[in-house]
Amino acid sequence: MKAAIEEVVQDELGRFGVREIEVRPDEDHDGDPAIYVVIHYAAVDADPDPENMSNTMFKLNNRLYAMNEKRFAHVSHVVPEPPKRVRAR
């Protein structure tokens, strides 16, 4: 399952510099079984647009369903914080 998730994410969002993909089974807020997918990007300026993110979630859940996986994948995106500038005095 993890390999299938990684394949879909890389195919759809890899061009934005995906650094790591976390996959964690858990329960959602209603107590239903779910899969949490956290996509970490390498660059501060990684900027997948909402359409790309939505298409990825759609394709990911379709792929899981085709594998007879009934849990819904909840996807979140993490972009690193820009470095803080230190002002010279």
N, C-alpha and C. Protein backbone atom coordinates (compact mmCIF):
# COMPACT_ATOMS: atom_id res chain seq x y z
N MET A 1 0.83 -1.19 0.00
CA MET A 1 0.00 0.00 0.00
C MET A 1 0.88 1.26 0.00
N LYS A 2 1.92 1.27 0.84
CA LYS A 2 2.78 2.45 0.92
C LYS A 2 3.43 2.73 -0.43
N ALA A 3 3.87 1.68 -1.12
CA ALA A 3 4.50 1.86 -2.43
C ALA A 3 3.52 2.49 -3.43
N ALA A 4 2.26 2.06 -3.39
CA ALA A 4 1.25 2.62 -4.30
C ALA A 4 1.01 4.09 -3.98
N ILE A 5 0.95 4.43 -2.70
CA ILE A 5 0.76 5.83 -2.30
C ILE A 5 1.94 6.67 -2.77
N GLU A 6 3.15 6.18 -2.54
CA GLU A 6 4.34 6.93 -2.95
C GLU A 6 4.38 7.12 -4.47
N GLU A 7 3.97 6.10 -5.21
CA GLU A 7 3.97 6.20 -6.67
C GLU A 7 3.02 7.29 -7.14
N VAL A 8 1.81 7.31 -6.62
CA VAL A 8 0.83 8.32 -7.03
C VAL A 8 1.33 9.72 -6.65
N VAL A 9 1.82 9.87 -5.43
CA VAL A 9 2.29 11.19 -4.98
C VAL A 9 3.45 11.66 -5.85
N GLN A 10 4.42 10.79 -6.11
CA GLN A 10 5.56 11.21 -6.93
C GLN A 10 5.14 11.53 -8.36
N ASP A 11 4.23 10.73 -8.92
CA ASP A 11 3.76 11.00 -10.28
C ASP A 11 3.06 12.35 -10.37
N GLU A 12 2.28 12.68 -9.36
CA GLU A 12 1.47 13.90 -9.40
C GLU A 12 2.20 15.14 -8.87
N LEU A 13 3.03 14.95 -7.84
CA LEU A 13 3.63 16.11 -7.16
C LEU A 13 5.15 16.11 -7.13
N GLY A 14 5.77 15.08 -7.66
CA GLY A 14 7.23 14.97 -7.61
C GLY A 14 7.95 16.18 -8.19
N ARG A 15 7.37 16.80 -9.19
CA ARG A 15 8.02 17.96 -9.82
C ARG A 15 8.11 19.17 -8.88
N PHE A 16 7.39 19.12 -7.77
CA PHE A 16 7.46 20.20 -6.80
C PHE A 16 8.51 19.94 -5.72
N GLY A 17 9.26 18.86 -5.85
CA GLY A 17 10.36 18.59 -4.92
C GLY A 17 9.93 17.86 -3.66
N VAL A 18 9.22 16.75 -3.82
CA VAL A 18 8.81 15.96 -2.65
C VAL A 18 10.06 15.34 -2.02
N ARG A 19 10.25 15.59 -0.74
CA ARG A 19 11.42 15.08 -0.01
C ARG A 19 11.09 13.78 0.71
N GLU A 20 9.89 13.70 1.28
CA GLU A 20 9.52 12.53 2.09
C GLU A 20 8.01 12.38 2.08
N ILE A 21 7.57 11.14 2.16
CA ILE A 21 6.14 10.85 2.23
C ILE A 21 5.90 9.95 3.45
N GLU A 22 5.17 10.46 4.41
CA GLU A 22 4.81 9.67 5.59
C GLU A 22 3.44 9.04 5.36
N VAL A 23 3.31 7.78 5.71
CA VAL A 23 2.03 7.08 5.61
C VAL A 23 1.75 6.45 6.97
N ARG A 24 0.60 6.81 7.53
CA ARG A 24 0.29 6.35 8.88
C ARG A 24 -1.18 5.96 8.98
N PRO A 25 -1.46 4.69 9.31
CA PRO A 25 -2.85 4.31 9.56
C PRO A 25 -3.29 4.85 10.92
N ASP A 26 -4.52 5.30 10.99
CA ASP A 26 -5.05 5.85 12.24
C ASP A 26 -6.56 5.91 12.12
N GLU A 27 -7.20 6.57 13.07
CA GLU A 27 -8.64 6.80 13.01
C GLU A 27 -8.87 8.28 12.72
N ASP A 28 -9.94 8.57 11.97
CA ASP A 28 -10.27 9.97 11.73
C ASP A 28 -11.05 10.52 12.93
N HIS A 29 -11.54 11.75 12.81
CA HIS A 29 -12.22 12.41 13.92
C HIS A 29 -13.52 11.73 14.32
N ASP A 30 -14.07 10.89 13.44
CA ASP A 30 -15.28 10.13 13.78
C ASP A 30 -14.98 8.73 14.32
N GLY A 31 -13.69 8.40 14.39
CA GLY A 31 -13.31 7.08 14.86
C GLY A 31 -13.26 6.02 13.77
N ASP A 32 -13.43 6.43 12.52
CA ASP A 32 -13.36 5.49 11.40
C ASP A 32 -11.90 5.25 11.01
N PRO A 33 -11.58 4.05 10.55
CA PRO A 33 -10.21 3.79 10.10
C PRO A 33 -9.86 4.71 8.93
N ALA A 34 -8.64 5.23 8.93
CA ALA A 34 -8.20 6.15 7.89
C ALA A 34 -6.71 5.96 7.65
N ILE A 35 -6.23 6.56 6.59
CA ILE A 35 -4.81 6.58 6.28
C ILE A 35 -4.40 8.05 6.19
N TYR A 36 -3.40 8.43 6.96
CA TYR A 36 -2.90 9.80 6.92
C TYR A 36 -1.61 9.82 6.11
N VAL A 37 -1.58 10.70 5.11
CA VAL A 37 -0.43 10.84 4.24
C VAL A 37 0.08 12.27 4.40
N VAL A 38 1.33 12.40 4.82
CA VAL A 38 1.95 13.71 4.99
C VAL A 38 3.06 13.82 3.95
N ILE A 39 2.94 14.82 3.09
CA ILE A 39 3.91 15.04 2.02
C ILE A 39 4.81 16.20 2.43
N HIS A 40 6.10 15.91 2.56
CA HIS A 40 7.09 16.92 2.92
C HIS A 40 7.82 17.35 1.66
N TYR A 41 7.94 18.65 1.48
CA TYR A 41 8.64 19.21 0.33
C TYR A 41 10.03 19.67 0.75
N ALA A 42 10.97 19.62 -0.19
CA ALA A 42 12.36 19.98 0.11
C ALA A 42 12.58 21.49 0.13
N ALA A 43 11.93 22.20 -0.77
CA ALA A 43 12.22 23.62 -0.93
C ALA A 43 11.17 24.51 -0.30
N VAL A 44 11.62 25.64 0.18
CA VAL A 44 10.73 26.64 0.77
C VAL A 44 9.73 27.14 -0.27
N ASP A 45 10.15 27.19 -1.52
CA ASP A 45 9.29 27.74 -2.56
C ASP A 45 8.46 26.67 -3.29
N ALA A 46 8.42 25.46 -2.76
CA ALA A 46 7.56 24.42 -3.33
C ALA A 46 6.13 24.92 -3.24
N ASP A 47 5.44 24.91 -4.37
CA ASP A 47 4.13 25.53 -4.37
C ASP A 47 3.14 24.79 -5.27
N PRO A 48 2.78 23.55 -4.90
CA PRO A 48 1.75 22.89 -5.71
C PRO A 48 0.43 23.64 -5.56
N ASP A 49 -0.22 23.88 -6.67
CA ASP A 49 -1.47 24.63 -6.60
C ASP A 49 -2.60 23.73 -6.11
N PRO A 50 -3.70 24.33 -5.68
CA PRO A 50 -4.82 23.55 -5.13
C PRO A 50 -5.36 22.51 -6.10
N GLU A 51 -5.33 22.80 -7.40
CA GLU A 51 -5.82 21.82 -8.37
C GLU A 51 -4.95 20.56 -8.38
N ASN A 52 -3.62 20.75 -8.32
CA ASN A 52 -2.72 19.60 -8.25
C ASN A 52 -2.95 18.79 -6.98
N MET A 53 -3.11 19.48 -5.87
CA MET A 53 -3.32 18.79 -4.59
C MET A 53 -4.64 18.02 -4.61
N SER A 54 -5.68 18.63 -5.15
CA SER A 54 -6.98 17.97 -5.22
C SER A 54 -6.93 16.75 -6.14
N ASN A 55 -6.31 16.90 -7.32
CA ASN A 55 -6.18 15.78 -8.24
C ASN A 55 -5.40 14.63 -7.62
N THR A 56 -4.37 14.97 -6.86
CA THR A 56 -3.56 13.93 -6.21
C THR A 56 -4.41 13.15 -5.21
N MET A 57 -5.19 13.84 -4.40
CA MET A 57 -6.01 13.16 -3.41
C MET A 57 -7.06 12.27 -4.10
N PHE A 58 -7.66 12.77 -5.18
CA PHE A 58 -8.63 12.00 -5.94
C PHE A 58 -7.99 10.73 -6.51
N LYS A 59 -6.85 10.88 -7.18
CA LYS A 59 -6.17 9.73 -7.79
C LYS A 59 -5.68 8.76 -6.73
N LEU A 60 -5.21 9.27 -5.62
CA LEU A 60 -4.72 8.42 -4.54
C LEU A 60 -5.85 7.56 -3.98
N ASN A 61 -6.98 8.16 -3.69
CA ASN A 61 -8.09 7.39 -3.13
C ASN A 61 -8.68 6.42 -4.16
N ASN A 62 -8.69 6.79 -5.42
CA ASN A 62 -9.12 5.85 -6.46
C ASN A 62 -8.18 4.65 -6.53
N ARG A 63 -6.89 4.91 -6.45
CA ARG A 63 -5.90 3.82 -6.49
C ARG A 63 -6.07 2.88 -5.30
N LEU A 64 -6.26 3.45 -4.12
CA LEU A 64 -6.46 2.63 -2.92
C LEU A 64 -7.75 1.81 -3.04
N TYR A 65 -8.81 2.42 -3.55
CA TYR A 65 -10.07 1.71 -3.72
C TYR A 65 -9.91 0.55 -4.70
N ALA A 66 -9.15 0.77 -5.78
CA ALA A 66 -8.90 -0.29 -6.76
C ALA A 66 -8.11 -1.45 -6.14
N MET A 67 -7.37 -1.16 -5.07
CA MET A 67 -6.61 -2.19 -4.35
C MET A 67 -7.46 -2.83 -3.25
N ASN A 68 -8.75 -2.49 -3.23
CA ASN A 68 -9.69 -3.00 -2.23
C ASN A 68 -9.42 -2.44 -0.83
N GLU A 69 -8.81 -1.26 -0.78
CA GLU A 69 -8.55 -0.57 0.48
C GLU A 69 -9.74 0.33 0.75
N LYS A 70 -10.41 0.12 1.86
CA LYS A 70 -11.63 0.88 2.16
C LYS A 70 -11.38 2.15 2.97
N ARG A 71 -10.17 2.28 3.53
CA ARG A 71 -9.88 3.48 4.32
C ARG A 71 -9.63 4.66 3.40
N PHE A 72 -10.09 5.83 3.84
CA PHE A 72 -9.90 7.07 3.10
C PHE A 72 -8.54 7.64 3.44
N ALA A 73 -7.85 8.18 2.44
CA ALA A 73 -6.55 8.81 2.67
C ALA A 73 -6.74 10.31 2.89
N HIS A 74 -6.28 10.78 4.03
CA HIS A 74 -6.27 12.21 4.35
C HIS A 74 -4.87 12.71 4.06
N VAL A 75 -4.75 13.72 3.21
CA VAL A 75 -3.44 14.18 2.75
C VAL A 75 -3.16 15.58 3.28
N SER A 76 -1.96 15.77 3.81
CA SER A 76 -1.52 17.11 4.20
C SER A 76 -0.15 17.38 3.61
N HIS A 77 0.17 18.65 3.47
CA HIS A 77 1.38 19.10 2.79
C HIS A 77 2.20 19.95 3.76
N VAL A 78 3.51 19.68 3.81
CA VAL A 78 4.40 20.43 4.69
C VAL A 78 5.54 21.02 3.86
N VAL A 79 5.60 22.35 3.85
CA VAL A 79 6.67 23.07 3.16
C VAL A 79 7.55 23.67 4.25
N PRO A 80 8.89 23.56 4.10
CA PRO A 80 9.76 24.10 5.15
C PRO A 80 9.59 25.60 5.33
N GLU A 81 9.82 26.05 6.54
CA GLU A 81 9.75 27.48 6.83
C GLU A 81 10.95 28.17 6.22
N PRO A 82 10.76 29.39 5.69
CA PRO A 82 11.92 30.11 5.19
C PRO A 82 12.85 30.50 6.34
N PRO A 83 14.15 30.54 6.05
CA PRO A 83 15.07 30.91 7.15
C PRO A 83 14.79 32.34 7.61
N LYS A 84 14.95 32.55 8.89
CA LYS A 84 14.74 33.89 9.44
C LYS A 84 15.98 34.72 9.16
N ARG A 85 15.74 35.95 8.76
CA ARG A 85 16.84 36.86 8.51
C ARG A 85 17.26 37.54 9.80
N VAL A 86 18.55 37.62 9.96
CA VAL A 86 19.08 38.31 11.12
C VAL A 86 19.60 39.66 10.64
N ARG A 87 19.09 40.69 11.24
CA ARG A 87 19.51 42.02 10.84
C ARG A 87 20.82 42.40 11.53
N ALA A 88 21.69 42.95 10.75
CA ALA A 88 22.95 43.48 11.33
C ALA A 88 22.65 44.83 11.96
N ARG A 89 23.26 45.08 13.08
CA ARG A 89 23.03 46.39 13.74
C ARG A 89 24.19 47.28 13.56
